[in-house]
PDB file of N, CA and C in Angstrom:
ATOM      1  N   MET A   1      26.372 -29.359 -48.194  1.00  0.00           N
ATOM      2  CA  MET A   1      25.783 -28.407 -49.109  1.00  0.00           C
ATOM      3  C   MET A   1      26.305 -27.020 -48.743  1.00  0.00           C
ATOM      4  N   THR A   2      26.615 -26.231 -49.735  1.00  0.00           N
ATOM      5  CA  THR A   2      27.149 -24.887 -49.523  1.00  0.00           C
ATOM      6  C   THR A   2      26.080 -23.836 -49.780  1.00  0.00           C
ATOM      7  N   LEU A   3      26.370 -22.592 -49.376  1.00  0.00           N
ATOM      8  CA  LEU A   3      25.461 -21.486 -49.651  1.00  0.00           C
ATOM      9  C   LEU A   3      25.290 -21.321 -51.162  1.00  0.00           C
ATOM     10  N   HIS A   4      26.345 -21.547 -51.910  1.00  0.00           N
ATOM     11  CA  HIS A   4      26.245 -21.457 -53.369  1.00  0.00           C
ATOM     12  C   HIS A   4      25.247 -22.484 -53.899  1.00  0.00           C
ATOM     13  N   ASP A   5      25.295 -23.711 -53.376  1.00  0.00           N
ATOM     14  CA  ASP A   5      24.340 -24.746 -53.794  1.00  0.00           C
ATOM     15  C   ASP A   5      22.909 -24.316 -53.480  1.00  0.00           C
ATOM     16  N   LEU A   6      22.690 -23.776 -52.269  1.00  0.00           N
ATOM     17  CA  LEU A   6      21.351 -23.312 -51.899  1.00  0.00           C
ATOM     18  C   LEU A   6      20.882 -22.175 -52.794  1.00  0.00           C
ATOM     19  N   SER A   7      21.786 -21.286 -53.156  1.00  0.00           N
ATOM     20  CA  SER A   7      21.399 -20.108 -53.939  1.00  0.00           C
ATOM     21  C   SER A   7      21.022 -20.451 -55.387  1.00  0.00           C
ATOM     22  N   GLN A   8      21.294 -21.656 -55.817  1.00  0.00           N
ATOM     23  CA  GLN A   8      20.942 -22.078 -57.178  1.00  0.00           C
ATOM     24  C   GLN A   8      19.552 -22.693 -57.269  1.00  0.00           C
ATOM     25  N   LYS A   9      18.855 -22.815 -56.140  1.00  0.00           N
ATOM     26  CA  LYS A   9      17.546 -23.473 -56.098  1.00  0.00           C
ATOM     27  C   LYS A   9      16.439 -22.448 -55.886  1.00  0.00           C
ATOM     28  N   ASP A  10      15.308 -22.625 -56.575  1.00  0.00           N
ATOM     29  CA  ASP A  10      14.146 -21.776 -56.361  1.00  0.00           C
ATOM     30  C   ASP A  10      13.496 -22.143 -55.035  1.00  0.00           C
ATOM     31  N   VAL A  11      13.000 -21.124 -54.315  1.00  0.00           N
ATOM     32  CA  VAL A  11      12.289 -21.333 -53.052  1.00  0.00           C
ATOM     33  C   VAL A  11      10.795 -21.268 -53.354  1.00  0.00           C
ATOM     34  N   ILE A  12      10.083 -22.363 -53.062  1.00  0.00           N
ATOM     35  CA  ILE A  12       8.666 -22.491 -53.394  1.00  0.00           C
ATOM     36  C   ILE A  12       7.840 -22.561 -52.103  1.00  0.00           C
ATOM     37  N   GLN A  13       6.784 -21.745 -52.019  1.00  0.00           N
ATOM     38  CA  GLN A  13       5.842 -21.768 -50.904  1.00  0.00           C
ATOM     39  C   GLN A  13       4.921 -22.972 -51.089  1.00  0.00           C
ATOM     40  N   ILE A  14       4.918 -23.915 -50.152  1.00  0.00           N
ATOM     41  CA  ILE A  14       4.134 -25.143 -50.271  1.00  0.00           C
ATOM     42  C   ILE A  14       2.642 -24.855 -50.420  1.00  0.00           C
ATOM     43  N   LYS A  15       2.109 -23.942 -49.604  1.00  0.00           N
ATOM     44  CA  LYS A  15       0.668 -23.693 -49.578  1.00  0.00           C
ATOM     45  C   LYS A  15       0.135 -23.106 -50.880  1.00  0.00           C
ATOM     46  N   THR A  16       0.909 -22.234 -51.518  1.00  0.00           N
ATOM     47  CA  THR A  16       0.419 -21.531 -52.712  1.00  0.00           C
ATOM     48  C   THR A  16       1.092 -21.954 -54.001  1.00  0.00           C
ATOM     49  N   GLY A  17       2.240 -22.592 -53.897  1.00  0.00           N
ATOM     50  CA  GLY A  17       3.002 -22.944 -55.091  1.00  0.00           C
ATOM     51  C   GLY A  17       3.770 -21.773 -55.671  1.00  0.00           C
ATOM     52  N   GLU A  18       3.767 -20.637 -54.963  1.00  0.00           N
ATOM     53  CA  GLU A  18       4.432 -19.428 -55.451  1.00  0.00           C
ATOM     54  C   GLU A  18       5.950 -19.569 -55.369  1.00  0.00           C
ATOM     55  N   ASN A  19       6.621 -19.121 -56.426  1.00  0.00           N
ATOM     56  CA  ASN A  19       8.074 -19.074 -56.442  1.00  0.00           C
ATOM     57  C   ASN A  19       8.491 -17.776 -55.757  1.00  0.00           C
ATOM     58  N   LEU A  20       9.126 -17.887 -54.591  1.00  0.00           N
ATOM     59  CA  LEU A  20       9.506 -16.712 -53.813  1.00  0.00           C
ATOM     60  C   LEU A  20      10.832 -16.119 -54.246  1.00  0.00           C
ATOM     61  N   GLY A  21      11.603 -16.861 -55.005  1.00  0.00           N
ATOM     62  CA  GLY A  21      12.913 -16.389 -55.458  1.00  0.00           C
ATOM     63  C   GLY A  21      13.988 -17.374 -55.071  1.00  0.00           C
ATOM     64  N   ARG A  22      15.187 -16.861 -54.903  1.00  0.00           N
ATOM     65  CA  ARG A  22      16.324 -17.699 -54.531  1.00  0.00           C
ATOM     66  C   ARG A  22      17.016 -17.118 -53.303  1.00  0.00           C
ATOM     67  N   ILE A  23      17.665 -17.995 -52.551  1.00  0.00           N
ATOM     68  CA  ILE A  23      18.352 -17.578 -51.330  1.00  0.00           C
ATOM     69  C   ILE A  23      19.581 -16.759 -51.693  1.00  0.00           C
ATOM     70  N   ASP A  24      19.684 -15.586 -51.075  1.00  0.00           N
ATOM     71  CA  ASP A  24      20.839 -14.721 -51.293  1.00  0.00           C
ATOM     72  C   ASP A  24      21.777 -14.683 -50.098  1.00  0.00           C
ATOM     73  N   ASP A  25      21.235 -14.978 -48.908  1.00  0.00           N
ATOM     74  CA  ASP A  25      22.046 -14.875 -47.702  1.00  0.00           C
ATOM     75  C   ASP A  25      21.425 -15.743 -46.617  1.00  0.00           C
ATOM     76  N   VAL A  26      22.182 -16.008 -45.578  1.00  0.00           N
ATOM     77  CA  VAL A  26      21.684 -16.738 -44.415  1.00  0.00           C
ATOM     78  C   VAL A  26      22.035 -15.954 -43.164  1.00  0.00           C
ATOM     79  N   ALA A  27      21.241 -16.147 -42.084  1.00  0.00           N
ATOM     80  CA  ALA A  27      21.511 -15.504 -40.800  1.00  0.00           C
ATOM     81  C   ALA A  27      21.828 -16.581 -39.771  1.00  0.00           C
ATOM     82  N   PHE A  28      22.877 -16.358 -39.010  1.00  0.00           N
ATOM     83  CA  PHE A  28      23.328 -17.279 -37.970  1.00  0.00           C
ATOM     84  C   PHE A  28      23.123 -16.654 -36.602  1.00  0.00           C
ATOM     85  N   ASP A  29      22.929 -17.503 -35.596  1.00  0.00           N
ATOM     86  CA  ASP A  29      22.970 -17.055 -34.211  1.00  0.00           C
ATOM     87  C   ASP A  29      24.446 -16.840 -33.860  1.00  0.00           C
ATOM     88  N   GLU A  30      24.786 -15.663 -33.407  1.00  0.00           N
ATOM     89  CA  GLU A  30      26.197 -15.346 -33.170  1.00  0.00           C
ATOM     90  C   GLU A  30      26.812 -16.118 -32.004  1.00  0.00           C
ATOM     91  N   HIS A  31      25.981 -16.630 -31.106  1.00  0.00           N
ATOM     92  CA  HIS A  31      26.512 -17.351 -29.956  1.00  0.00           C
ATOM     93  C   HIS A  31      26.623 -18.850 -30.212  1.00  0.00           C
ATOM     94  N   SER A  32      25.596 -19.436 -30.804  1.00  0.00           N
ATOM     95  CA  SER A  32      25.607 -20.887 -31.005  1.00  0.00           C
ATOM     96  C   SER A  32      26.084 -21.291 -32.401  1.00  0.00           C
ATOM     97  N   GLY A  33      26.026 -20.368 -33.350  1.00  0.00           N
ATOM     98  CA  GLY A  33      26.412 -20.695 -34.718  1.00  0.00           C
ATOM     99  C   GLY A  33      25.323 -21.399 -35.500  1.00  0.00           C
ATOM    100  N   ALA A  34      24.146 -21.567 -34.886  1.00  0.00           N
ATOM    101  CA  ALA A  34      23.036 -22.252 -35.552  1.00  0.00           C
ATOM    102  C   ALA A  34      22.402 -21.349 -36.611  1.00  0.00           C
ATOM    103  N   LEU A  35      21.947 -21.955 -37.697  1.00  0.00           N
ATOM    104  CA  LEU A  35      21.244 -21.192 -38.731  1.00  0.00           C
ATOM    105  C   LEU A  35      19.900 -20.721 -38.191  1.00  0.00           C
ATOM    106  N   GLN A  36      19.585 -19.439 -38.383  1.00  0.00           N
ATOM    107  CA  GLN A  36      18.318 -18.892 -37.925  1.00  0.00           C
ATOM    108  C   GLN A  36      17.335 -18.717 -39.073  1.00  0.00           C
ATOM    109  N   SER A  37      17.812 -18.203 -40.205  1.00  0.00           N
ATOM    110  CA  SER A  37      16.901 -17.911 -41.305  1.00  0.00           C
ATOM    111  C   SER A  37      17.671 -17.764 -42.608  1.00  0.00           C
ATOM    112  N   VAL A  38      16.907 -17.763 -43.698  1.00  0.00           N
ATOM    113  CA  VAL A  38      17.460 -17.473 -45.020  1.00  0.00           C
ATOM    114  C   VAL A  38      16.852 -16.154 -45.488  1.00  0.00           C
ATOM    115  N   ILE A  39      17.597 -15.435 -46.308  1.00  0.00           N
ATOM    116  CA  ILE A  39      17.158 -14.131 -46.792  1.00  0.00           C
ATOM    117  C   ILE A  39      17.097 -14.162 -48.306  1.00  0.00           C
ATOM    118  N   LEU A  40      15.952 -13.731 -48.844  1.00  0.00           N
ATOM    119  CA  LEU A  40      15.751 -13.615 -50.282  1.00  0.00           C
ATOM    120  C   LEU A  40      15.657 -12.133 -50.607  1.00  0.00           C
ATOM    121  N   ARG A  41      16.546 -11.641 -51.433  1.00  0.00           N
ATOM    122  CA  ARG A  41      16.530 -10.230 -51.812  1.00  0.00           C
ATOM    123  C   ARG A  41      15.340  -9.962 -52.712  1.00  0.00           C
ATOM    124  N   GLY A  42      14.771  -8.774 -52.584  1.00  0.00           N
ATOM    125  CA  GLY A  42      13.624  -8.387 -53.407  1.00  0.00           C
ATOM    126  C   GLY A  42      13.981  -8.325 -54.882  1.00  0.00           C
ATOM    127  N   ARG A  43      13.025  -8.681 -55.705  1.00  0.00           N
ATOM    128  CA  ARG A  43      13.240  -8.665 -57.155  1.00  0.00           C
ATOM    129  C   ARG A  43      13.224  -7.236 -57.674  1.00  0.00           C
ATOM    130  N   GLY A  44      14.122  -6.938 -58.594  1.00  0.00           N
ATOM    131  CA  GLY A  44      14.194  -5.614 -59.195  1.00  0.00           C
ATOM    132  C   GLY A  44      13.142  -5.429 -60.276  1.00  0.00           C
ATOM    133  N   HIS A  45      12.678  -4.210 -60.426  1.00  0.00           N
ATOM    134  CA  HIS A  45      11.710  -3.862 -61.470  1.00  0.00           C
ATOM    135  C   HIS A  45      12.371  -2.895 -62.443  1.00  0.00           C
ATOM    136  N   CYS A  46      12.175  -3.156 -63.709  1.00  0.00           N
ATOM    137  CA  CYS A  46      12.785  -2.328 -64.750  1.00  0.00           C
ATOM    138  C   CYS A  46      14.291  -2.257 -64.523  1.00  0.00           C
ATOM    139  N   PHE A  47      14.912  -3.428 -64.374  1.00  0.00           N
ATOM    140  CA  PHE A  47      16.350  -3.572 -64.151  1.00  0.00           C
ATOM    141  C   PHE A  47      16.810  -2.885 -62.871  1.00  0.00           C
ATOM    142  N   GLY A  48      15.915  -2.757 -61.897  1.00  0.00           N
ATOM    143  CA  GLY A  48      16.247  -2.132 -60.629  1.00  0.00           C
ATOM    144  C   GLY A  48      16.137  -0.617 -60.640  1.00  0.00           C
ATOM    145  N   LEU A  49      15.906  -0.041 -61.818  1.00  0.00           N
ATOM    146  CA  LEU A  49      15.797   1.414 -61.912  1.00  0.00           C
ATOM    147  C   LEU A  49      14.543   1.944 -61.240  1.00  0.00           C
ATOM    148  N   MET A  50      13.501   1.112 -61.185  1.00  0.00           N
ATOM    149  CA  MET A  50      12.232   1.535 -60.600  1.00  0.00           C
ATOM    150  C   MET A  50      11.986   0.871 -59.243  1.00  0.00           C
ATOM    151  N   GLY A  51      13.043   0.436 -58.601  1.00  0.00           N
ATOM    152  CA  GLY A  51      12.934  -0.101 -57.255  1.00  0.00           C
ATOM    153  C   GLY A  51      12.923  -1.615 -57.212  1.00  0.00           C
ATOM    154  N   TYR A  52      12.722  -2.106 -56.008  1.00  0.00           N
ATOM    155  CA  TYR A  52      12.768  -3.537 -55.732  1.00  0.00           C
ATOM    156  C   TYR A  52      11.583  -3.928 -54.863  1.00  0.00           C
ATOM    157  N   ASP A  53      11.199  -5.203 -54.930  1.00  0.00           N
ATOM    158  CA  ASP A  53      10.245  -5.747 -53.973  1.00  0.00           C
ATOM    159  C   ASP A  53      10.932  -5.811 -52.614  1.00  0.00           C
ATOM    160  N   GLU A  54      10.149  -6.076 -51.579  1.00  0.00           N
ATOM    161  CA  GLU A  54      10.707  -6.210 -50.239  1.00  0.00           C
ATOM    162  C   GLU A  54      11.607  -7.437 -50.154  1.00  0.00           C
ATOM    163  N   ASP A  55      12.682  -7.333 -49.362  1.00  0.00           N
ATOM    164  CA  ASP A  55      13.485  -8.500 -49.033  1.00  0.00           C
ATOM    165  C   ASP A  55      12.647  -9.383 -48.119  1.00  0.00           C
ATOM    166  N   LEU A  56      12.873 -10.687 -48.175  1.00  0.00           N
ATOM    167  CA  LEU A  56      12.096 -11.633 -47.363  1.00  0.00           C
ATOM    168  C   LEU A  56      13.007 -12.423 -46.446  1.00  0.00           C
ATOM    169  N   ILE A  57      12.547 -12.646 -45.213  1.00  0.00           N
ATOM    170  CA  ILE A  57      13.246 -13.518 -44.271  1.00  0.00           C
ATOM    171  C   ILE A  57      12.368 -14.741 -44.044  1.00  0.00           C
ATOM    172  N   ILE A  58      12.955 -15.916 -44.187  1.00  0.00           N
ATOM    173  CA  ILE A  58      12.235 -17.166 -43.945  1.00  0.00           C
ATOM    174  C   ILE A  58      12.975 -17.920 -42.843  1.00  0.00           C
ATOM    175  N   PRO A  59      12.294 -18.227 -41.725  1.00  0.00           N
ATOM    176  CA  PRO A  59      12.955 -18.964 -40.641  1.00  0.00           C
ATOM    177  C   PRO A  59      13.479 -20.314 -41.135  1.00  0.00           C
ATOM    178  N   TRP A  60      14.647 -20.719 -40.630  1.00  0.00           N
ATOM    179  CA  TRP A  60      15.264 -21.976 -41.052  1.00  0.00           C
ATOM    180  C   TRP A  60      14.337 -23.159 -40.821  1.00  0.00           C
ATOM    181  N   GLU A  61      13.558 -23.123 -39.745  1.00  0.00           N
ATOM    182  CA  GLU A  61      12.646 -24.223 -39.425  1.00  0.00           C
ATOM    183  C   GLU A  61      11.542 -24.373 -40.471  1.00  0.00           C
ATOM    184  N   ALA A  62      11.283 -23.339 -41.254  1.00  0.00           N
ATOM    185  CA  ALA A  62      10.222 -23.376 -42.261  1.00  0.00           C
ATOM    186  C   ALA A  62      10.654 -24.113 -43.529  1.00  0.00           C
ATOM    187  N   LEU A  63      11.954 -24.345 -43.696  1.00  0.00           N
ATOM    188  CA  LEU A  63      12.424 -25.104 -44.847  1.00  0.00           C
ATOM    189  C   LEU A  63      12.067 -26.561 -44.616  1.00  0.00           C
ATOM    190  N   LYS A  64      11.142 -27.095 -45.394  1.00  0.00           N
ATOM    191  CA  LYS A  64      10.633 -28.443 -45.183  1.00  0.00           C
ATOM    192  C   LYS A  64      11.350 -29.492 -46.011  1.00  0.00           C
ATOM    193  N   ASN A  65      11.798 -29.113 -47.216  1.00  0.00           N
ATOM    194  CA  ASN A  65      12.433 -30.086 -48.094  1.00  0.00           C
ATOM    195  C   ASN A  65      13.407 -29.352 -49.000  1.00  0.00           C
ATOM    196  N   ILE A  66      14.634 -29.837 -49.057  1.00  0.00           N
ATOM    197  CA  ILE A  66      15.625 -29.286 -49.979  1.00  0.00           C
ATOM    198  C   ILE A  66      15.870 -30.350 -51.027  1.00  0.00           C
ATOM    199  N   GLY A  67      15.339 -30.114 -52.226  1.00  0.00           N
ATOM    200  CA  GLY A  67      15.459 -31.082 -53.302  1.00  0.00           C
ATOM    201  C   GLY A  67      16.578 -30.740 -54.259  1.00  0.00           C
ATOM    202  N   ALA A  68      16.623 -31.464 -55.369  1.00  0.00           N
ATOM    203  CA  ALA A  68      17.669 -31.249 -56.370  1.00  0.00           C
ATOM    204  C   ALA A  68      17.531 -29.895 -57.057  1.00  0.00           C
ATOM    205  N   ASP A  69      16.275 -29.422 -57.246  1.00  0.00           N
ATOM    206  CA  ASP A  69      16.050 -28.178 -57.978  1.00  0.00           C
ATOM    207  C   ASP A  69      15.367 -27.087 -57.174  1.00  0.00           C
ATOM    208  N   VAL A  70      14.621 -27.461 -56.131  1.00  0.00           N
ATOM    209  CA  VAL A  70      13.841 -26.477 -55.386  1.00  0.00           C
ATOM    210  C   VAL A  70      13.951 -26.705 -53.880  1.00  0.00           C
ATOM    211  N   ILE A  71      13.598 -25.664 -53.143  1.00  0.00           N
ATOM    212  CA  ILE A  71      13.494 -25.725 -51.690  1.00  0.00           C
ATOM    213  C   ILE A  71      12.042 -25.427 -51.354  1.00  0.00           C
ATOM    214  N   MET A  72      11.392 -26.340 -50.651  1.00  0.00           N
ATOM    215  CA  MET A  72       9.991 -26.159 -50.279  1.00  0.00           C
ATOM    216  C   MET A  72       9.928 -25.566 -48.874  1.00  0.00           C
ATOM    217  N   VAL A  73       9.139 -24.476 -48.717  1.00  0.00           N
ATOM    218  CA  VAL A  73       8.997 -23.830 -47.414  1.00  0.00           C
ATOM    219  C   VAL A  73       7.528 -23.784 -47.020  1.00  0.00           C
ATOM    220  N   ASP A  74       7.284 -23.832 -45.711  1.00  0.00           N
ATOM    221  CA  ASP A  74       5.922 -23.791 -45.199  1.00  0.00           C
ATOM    222  C   ASP A  74       5.822 -22.699 -44.142  1.00  0.00           C
ATOM    223  N   ALA A  75       5.885 -21.460 -44.595  1.00  0.00           N
ATOM    224  CA  ALA A  75       5.755 -20.309 -43.688  1.00  0.00           C
ATOM    225  C   ALA A  75       5.543 -19.077 -44.539  1.00  0.00           C
ATOM    226  N   GLU A  76       4.866 -18.108 -43.947  1.00  0.00           N
ATOM    227  CA  GLU A  76       4.744 -16.828 -44.614  1.00  0.00           C
ATOM    228  C   GLU A  76       6.052 -16.081 -44.410  1.00  0.00           C
ATOM    229  N   PRO A  77       6.721 -15.676 -45.492  1.00  0.00           N
ATOM    230  CA  PRO A  77       7.979 -14.945 -45.328  1.00  0.00           C
ATOM    231  C   PRO A  77       7.722 -13.585 -44.693  1.00  0.00           C
ATOM    232  N   LEU A  78       8.666 -13.130 -43.890  1.00  0.00           N
ATOM    233  CA  LEU A  78       8.558 -11.839 -43.238  1.00  0.00           C
ATOM    234  C   LEU A  78       9.301 -10.794 -44.059  1.00  0.00           C
ATOM    235  N   PRO A  79       8.633  -9.697 -44.441  1.00  0.00           N
ATOM    236  CA  PRO A  79       9.361  -8.654 -45.182  1.00  0.00           C
ATOM    237  C   PRO A  79      10.382  -7.978 -44.277  1.00  0.00           C
ATOM    238  N   VAL A  80      11.551  -7.703 -44.829  1.00  0.00           N
ATOM    239  CA  VAL A  80      12.609  -7.075 -44.061  1.00  0.00           C
ATOM    240  C   VAL A  80      12.623  -5.577 -44.296  1.00  0.00           C
ATOM    241  N   GLN A  81      12.679  -5.181 -45.527  1.00  0.00           N
ATOM    242  CA  GLN A  81      12.755  -3.767 -45.847  1.00  0.00           C
ATOM    243  C   GLN A  81      12.309  -3.544 -47.279  1.00  0.00           C
ATOM    244  N   ARG A  82      11.905  -2.342 -47.561  1.00  0.00           N
ATOM    245  CA  ARG A  82      11.572  -1.960 -48.925  1.00  0.00           C
ATOM    246  C   ARG A  82      12.722  -1.105 -49.417  1.00  0.00           C
ATOM    247  N   ARG A  83      13.271  -1.469 -50.588  1.00  0.00           N
ATOM    248  CA  ARG A  83      14.450  -0.772 -51.090  1.00  0.00           C
ATOM    249  C   ARG A  83      14.121   0.290 -52.131  1.00  0.00           C
ATOM    250  N   GLY A  84      12.877   0.430 -52.514  1.00  0.00           N
ATOM    251  CA  GLY A  84      12.558   1.444 -53.511  1.00  0.00           C
ATOM    252  C   GLY A  84      11.143   1.262 -54.027  1.00  0.00           C
ATOM    253  N   ARG A  85      10.756   2.111 -54.966  1.00  0.00           N
ATOM    254  CA  ARG A  85       9.403   2.058 -55.524  1.00  0.00           C
ATOM    255  C   ARG A  85       9.302   0.992 -56.580  1.00  0.00           C
ATOM    256  N   ARG A  86       8.133   0.427 -56.696  1.00  0.00           N
ATOM    257  CA  ARG A  86       7.859  -0.602 -57.688  1.00  0.00           C
ATOM    258  C   ARG A  86       7.367   0.046 -58.969  1.00  0.00           C
ATOM    259  N   CYS A  87       7.840  -0.456 -60.108  1.00  0.00           N
ATOM    260  CA  CYS A  87       7.411   0.035 -61.418  1.00  0.00           C
ATOM    261  C   CYS A  87       5.970  -0.357 -61.660  1.00  0.00           C
ATOM    262  N   GLN A  88       5.108   0.561 -61.989  1.00  0.00           N
ATOM    263  CA  GLN A  88       3.689   0.284 -62.200  1.00  0.00           C
ATOM    264  C   GLN A  88       3.418  -0.128 -63.630  1.00  0.00           C
TER     265      GLN A  88
END
């Protein structure tokens, strides 16, 4: 499976059923090469003109099932950064 394949699947929180978005990037351990986490970029508001939600980091171990259409995760995503104001 490639990063492109992963990025085409919705990431769903098992506990709440919430759609967290799609994987935009992955983080590797620079020494071992092991996958550490996946990164979901924050969603844009008003076409990004009014800012974005926080980016989310989900530990690789939290990915419980990678299916044909979705990826099920069982962890609270960690916010990485806020890129701007949210449209009210």
